[in-house]
Amino acid sequence: EGNEPGDSTKITYRELLHKVCQFANILRSQGVKKGDRVSIYLPMILELVIAMLSCARIGALHSVVFAGFSADSLCERILDCGCSLLIT
């Protein structure tokens, strides 16, 4: 369920697995490997969950940063984690 009332999406476990595997392959093609750090800057949407699970699937660490922070604060958090990729 999203932030807005009534904003929801239904997905089966099979569909979720398919999307997670697809995105994990995309991450691998971008050079992300086990132990790498990835920052995720997305709203509360299905793609956020897919990105998190894809990172876990390939063994990459992920850090979710939310839009409620100022631009400087976001920049500091992303740089502090030393991420190799930012997903937006």
N, C-alpha and C. Protein backbone atom coordinates (compact mmCIF):
# COMPACT_ATOMS: atom_id res chain seq x y z
N GLU A 1 0.84 -1.18 0.00
CA GLU A 1 0.00 0.00 0.00
C GLU A 1 0.88 1.24 0.00
N GLY A 2 0.44 2.24 -0.74
CA GLY A 2 1.19 3.48 -0.84
C GLY A 2 0.85 4.46 0.27
N ASN A 3 1.33 5.67 0.12
CA ASN A 3 1.09 6.71 1.12
C ASN A 3 -0.34 7.22 1.12
N GLU A 4 -0.94 7.28 -0.04
CA GLU A 4 -2.30 7.80 -0.17
C GLU A 4 -3.32 6.70 0.13
N PRO A 5 -4.41 7.04 0.82
CA PRO A 5 -5.46 6.06 1.05
C PRO A 5 -6.02 5.55 -0.28
N GLY A 6 -6.20 4.26 -0.38
CA GLY A 6 -6.72 3.68 -1.61
C GLY A 6 -5.67 3.43 -2.67
N ASP A 7 -4.44 3.84 -2.43
CA ASP A 7 -3.35 3.63 -3.39
C ASP A 7 -2.68 2.30 -3.06
N SER A 8 -3.04 1.27 -3.80
CA SER A 8 -2.47 -0.05 -3.52
C SER A 8 -2.29 -0.82 -4.82
N THR A 9 -1.44 -1.82 -4.76
CA THR A 9 -1.15 -2.68 -5.89
C THR A 9 -1.14 -4.12 -5.40
N LYS A 10 -1.67 -5.02 -6.20
CA LYS A 10 -1.64 -6.44 -5.86
C LYS A 10 -0.68 -7.14 -6.81
N ILE A 11 0.10 -8.06 -6.24
CA ILE A 11 1.07 -8.79 -7.02
C ILE A 11 1.21 -10.19 -6.40
N THR A 12 1.40 -11.18 -7.23
CA THR A 12 1.59 -12.53 -6.71
C THR A 12 3.06 -12.74 -6.36
N TYR A 13 3.33 -13.77 -5.58
CA TYR A 13 4.72 -14.07 -5.25
C TYR A 13 5.51 -14.42 -6.51
N ARG A 14 4.87 -15.09 -7.44
CA ARG A 14 5.54 -15.46 -8.69
C ARG A 14 5.93 -14.21 -9.49
N GLU A 15 5.00 -13.24 -9.58
CA GLU A 15 5.29 -11.99 -10.29
C GLU A 15 6.40 -11.22 -9.59
N LEU A 16 6.34 -11.20 -8.25
CA LEU A 16 7.37 -10.50 -7.49
C LEU A 16 8.74 -11.13 -7.71
N LEU A 17 8.81 -12.45 -7.67
CA LEU A 17 10.08 -13.13 -7.91
C LEU A 17 10.62 -12.82 -9.30
N HIS A 18 9.75 -12.81 -10.29
CA HIS A 18 10.16 -12.51 -11.66
C HIS A 18 10.75 -11.10 -11.75
N LYS A 19 10.07 -10.12 -11.15
CA LYS A 19 10.53 -8.74 -11.20
C LYS A 19 11.84 -8.56 -10.41
N VAL A 20 11.96 -9.25 -9.27
CA VAL A 20 13.17 -9.16 -8.46
C VAL A 20 14.35 -9.75 -9.24
N CYS A 21 14.16 -10.90 -9.88
CA CYS A 21 15.23 -11.52 -10.66
C CYS A 21 15.64 -10.62 -11.83
N GLN A 22 14.66 -10.02 -12.50
CA GLN A 22 14.96 -9.11 -13.60
C GLN A 22 15.82 -7.94 -13.11
N PHE A 23 15.41 -7.32 -12.00
CA PHE A 23 16.13 -6.15 -11.52
C PHE A 23 17.50 -6.54 -10.96
N ALA A 24 17.61 -7.72 -10.36
CA ALA A 24 18.91 -8.20 -9.88
C ALA A 24 19.87 -8.35 -11.06
N ASN A 25 19.36 -8.83 -12.19
CA ASN A 25 20.20 -8.94 -13.39
C ASN A 25 20.63 -7.57 -13.89
N ILE A 26 19.75 -6.59 -13.80
CA ILE A 26 20.09 -5.23 -14.19
C ILE A 26 21.19 -4.68 -13.28
N LEU A 27 21.05 -4.92 -11.98
CA LEU A 27 22.09 -4.46 -11.04
C LEU A 27 23.43 -5.11 -11.37
N ARG A 28 23.41 -6.42 -11.65
CA ARG A 28 24.65 -7.12 -12.01
C ARG A 28 25.26 -6.53 -13.27
N SER A 29 24.40 -6.19 -14.25
CA SER A 29 24.92 -5.62 -15.50
C SER A 29 25.53 -4.24 -15.28
N GLN A 30 25.15 -3.58 -14.20
CA GLN A 30 25.73 -2.28 -13.85
C GLN A 30 26.98 -2.43 -12.99
N GLY A 31 27.38 -3.68 -12.75
CA GLY A 31 28.61 -3.92 -12.01
C GLY A 31 28.44 -4.09 -10.51
N VAL A 32 27.20 -4.14 -10.02
CA VAL A 32 26.95 -4.31 -8.59
C VAL A 32 27.17 -5.79 -8.25
N LYS A 33 27.93 -6.04 -7.18
CA LYS A 33 28.20 -7.42 -6.78
C LYS A 33 28.06 -7.54 -5.26
N LYS A 34 28.23 -8.74 -4.78
CA LYS A 34 28.10 -9.03 -3.35
C LYS A 34 29.02 -8.11 -2.54
N GLY A 35 28.46 -7.50 -1.51
CA GLY A 35 29.22 -6.61 -0.64
C GLY A 35 29.20 -5.15 -1.04
N ASP A 36 28.77 -4.85 -2.27
CA ASP A 36 28.66 -3.45 -2.70
C ASP A 36 27.52 -2.78 -1.95
N ARG A 37 27.59 -1.46 -1.88
CA ARG A 37 26.54 -0.68 -1.22
C ARG A 37 25.75 0.09 -2.26
N VAL A 38 24.41 0.04 -2.10
CA VAL A 38 23.50 0.69 -3.04
C VAL A 38 22.56 1.59 -2.23
N SER A 39 22.39 2.84 -2.65
CA SER A 39 21.41 3.73 -2.04
C SER A 39 20.15 3.72 -2.89
N ILE A 40 19.00 3.73 -2.22
CA ILE A 40 17.72 3.71 -2.92
C ILE A 40 16.94 4.96 -2.50
N TYR A 41 16.58 5.77 -3.48
CA TYR A 41 15.84 7.01 -3.25
C TYR A 41 14.54 6.92 -4.05
N LEU A 42 13.53 6.29 -3.46
CA LEU A 42 12.24 6.08 -4.13
C LEU A 42 11.10 6.35 -3.15
N PRO A 43 9.95 6.74 -3.67
CA PRO A 43 8.77 6.86 -2.80
C PRO A 43 8.24 5.46 -2.44
N MET A 44 7.20 5.41 -1.66
CA MET A 44 6.61 4.14 -1.24
C MET A 44 5.83 3.52 -2.40
N ILE A 45 6.55 2.89 -3.31
CA ILE A 45 5.96 2.23 -4.47
C ILE A 45 6.51 0.81 -4.55
N LEU A 46 5.90 0.00 -5.37
CA LEU A 46 6.31 -1.39 -5.51
C LEU A 46 7.77 -1.52 -5.92
N GLU A 47 8.25 -0.61 -6.72
CA GLU A 47 9.63 -0.67 -7.19
C GLU A 47 10.63 -0.55 -6.05
N LEU A 48 10.25 0.12 -4.97
CA LEU A 48 11.12 0.21 -3.79
C LEU A 48 11.36 -1.18 -3.22
N VAL A 49 10.30 -1.94 -3.05
CA VAL A 49 10.41 -3.30 -2.52
C VAL A 49 11.22 -4.18 -3.47
N ILE A 50 10.97 -4.04 -4.75
CA ILE A 50 11.71 -4.83 -5.75
C ILE A 50 13.20 -4.51 -5.69
N ALA A 51 13.53 -3.24 -5.57
CA ALA A 51 14.94 -2.83 -5.50
C ALA A 51 15.60 -3.38 -4.24
N MET A 52 14.92 -3.31 -3.10
CA MET A 52 15.48 -3.83 -1.85
C MET A 52 15.71 -5.33 -1.94
N LEU A 53 14.72 -6.07 -2.42
CA LEU A 53 14.84 -7.52 -2.53
C LEU A 53 15.90 -7.92 -3.56
N SER A 54 16.04 -7.14 -4.61
CA SER A 54 17.06 -7.43 -5.63
C SER A 54 18.46 -7.27 -5.05
N CYS A 55 18.65 -6.24 -4.25
CA CYS A 55 19.94 -6.05 -3.59
C CYS A 55 20.24 -7.24 -2.68
N ALA A 56 19.25 -7.65 -1.90
CA ALA A 56 19.44 -8.79 -1.01
C ALA A 56 19.73 -10.06 -1.80
N ARG A 57 19.10 -10.21 -2.94
CA ARG A 57 19.27 -11.42 -3.75
C ARG A 57 20.71 -11.58 -4.24
N ILE A 58 21.37 -10.47 -4.57
CA ILE A 58 22.75 -10.58 -5.06
C ILE A 58 23.78 -10.33 -3.96
N GLY A 59 23.31 -10.04 -2.74
CA GLY A 59 24.23 -9.85 -1.63
C GLY A 59 24.76 -8.45 -1.47
N ALA A 60 24.12 -7.48 -2.12
CA ALA A 60 24.54 -6.08 -1.98
C ALA A 60 23.81 -5.47 -0.79
N LEU A 61 24.47 -4.59 -0.09
CA LEU A 61 23.85 -3.87 1.02
C LEU A 61 23.08 -2.69 0.47
N HIS A 62 21.92 -2.41 1.05
CA HIS A 62 21.16 -1.26 0.56
C HIS A 62 20.83 -0.31 1.70
N SER A 63 20.73 0.95 1.34
CA SER A 63 20.37 2.00 2.27
C SER A 63 19.25 2.82 1.62
N VAL A 64 18.12 2.90 2.30
CA VAL A 64 16.98 3.65 1.76
C VAL A 64 17.03 5.06 2.34
N VAL A 65 17.04 6.06 1.46
CA VAL A 65 17.00 7.46 1.90
C VAL A 65 15.66 8.05 1.44
N PHE A 66 15.01 8.76 2.34
CA PHE A 66 13.69 9.30 2.06
C PHE A 66 13.75 10.78 1.69
N ALA A 67 12.77 11.23 0.95
CA ALA A 67 12.73 12.59 0.41
C ALA A 67 12.45 13.64 1.48
N GLY A 68 12.15 13.24 2.71
CA GLY A 68 11.85 14.20 3.76
C GLY A 68 13.05 15.00 4.22
N PHE A 69 14.25 14.58 3.83
CA PHE A 69 15.47 15.27 4.23
C PHE A 69 15.79 16.40 3.25
N SER A 70 16.59 17.35 3.71
CA SER A 70 17.03 18.42 2.82
C SER A 70 18.01 17.85 1.80
N ALA A 71 18.27 18.62 0.75
CA ALA A 71 19.19 18.17 -0.30
C ALA A 71 20.59 17.92 0.27
N ASP A 72 21.06 18.80 1.17
CA ASP A 72 22.38 18.62 1.77
C ASP A 72 22.43 17.36 2.63
N SER A 73 21.36 17.13 3.39
CA SER A 73 21.30 15.95 4.24
C SER A 73 21.27 14.67 3.41
N LEU A 74 20.52 14.69 2.32
CA LEU A 74 20.49 13.54 1.42
C LEU A 74 21.87 13.26 0.85
N CYS A 75 22.53 14.30 0.41
CA CYS A 75 23.87 14.18 -0.15
C CYS A 75 24.83 13.57 0.86
N GLU A 76 24.79 14.05 2.10
CA GLU A 76 25.67 13.53 3.15
C GLU A 76 25.41 12.04 3.41
N ARG A 77 24.16 11.66 3.49
CA ARG A 77 23.81 10.26 3.76
C ARG A 77 24.28 9.35 2.63
N ILE A 78 24.08 9.80 1.41
CA ILE A 78 24.48 8.98 0.26
C ILE A 78 26.00 8.85 0.20
N LEU A 79 26.71 9.95 0.43
CA LEU A 79 28.17 9.90 0.40
C LEU A 79 28.75 9.12 1.57
N ASP A 80 28.12 9.25 2.75
CA ASP A 80 28.61 8.54 3.94
C ASP A 80 28.54 7.04 3.79
N CYS A 81 27.53 6.54 3.10
CA CYS A 81 27.41 5.09 2.96
C CYS A 81 28.37 4.56 1.90
N GLY A 82 28.95 5.44 1.10
CA GLY A 82 29.91 5.00 0.08
C GLY A 82 29.31 4.11 -0.97
N CYS A 83 28.12 4.48 -1.43
CA CYS A 83 27.41 3.61 -2.37
C CYS A 83 28.05 3.63 -3.75
N SER A 84 27.92 2.50 -4.42
CA SER A 84 28.43 2.39 -5.79
C SER A 84 27.35 2.68 -6.81
N LEU A 85 26.08 2.74 -6.35
CA LEU A 85 24.96 2.99 -7.26
C LEU A 85 23.83 3.66 -6.48
N LEU A 86 23.16 4.59 -7.12
CA LEU A 86 21.99 5.24 -6.55
C LEU A 86 20.78 4.91 -7.43
N ILE A 87 19.77 4.31 -6.83
CA ILE A 87 18.55 3.97 -7.56
C ILE A 87 17.51 5.05 -7.26
N THR A 88 17.00 5.70 -8.32
CA THR A 88 15.97 6.73 -8.14
C THR A 88 14.76 6.39 -8.98
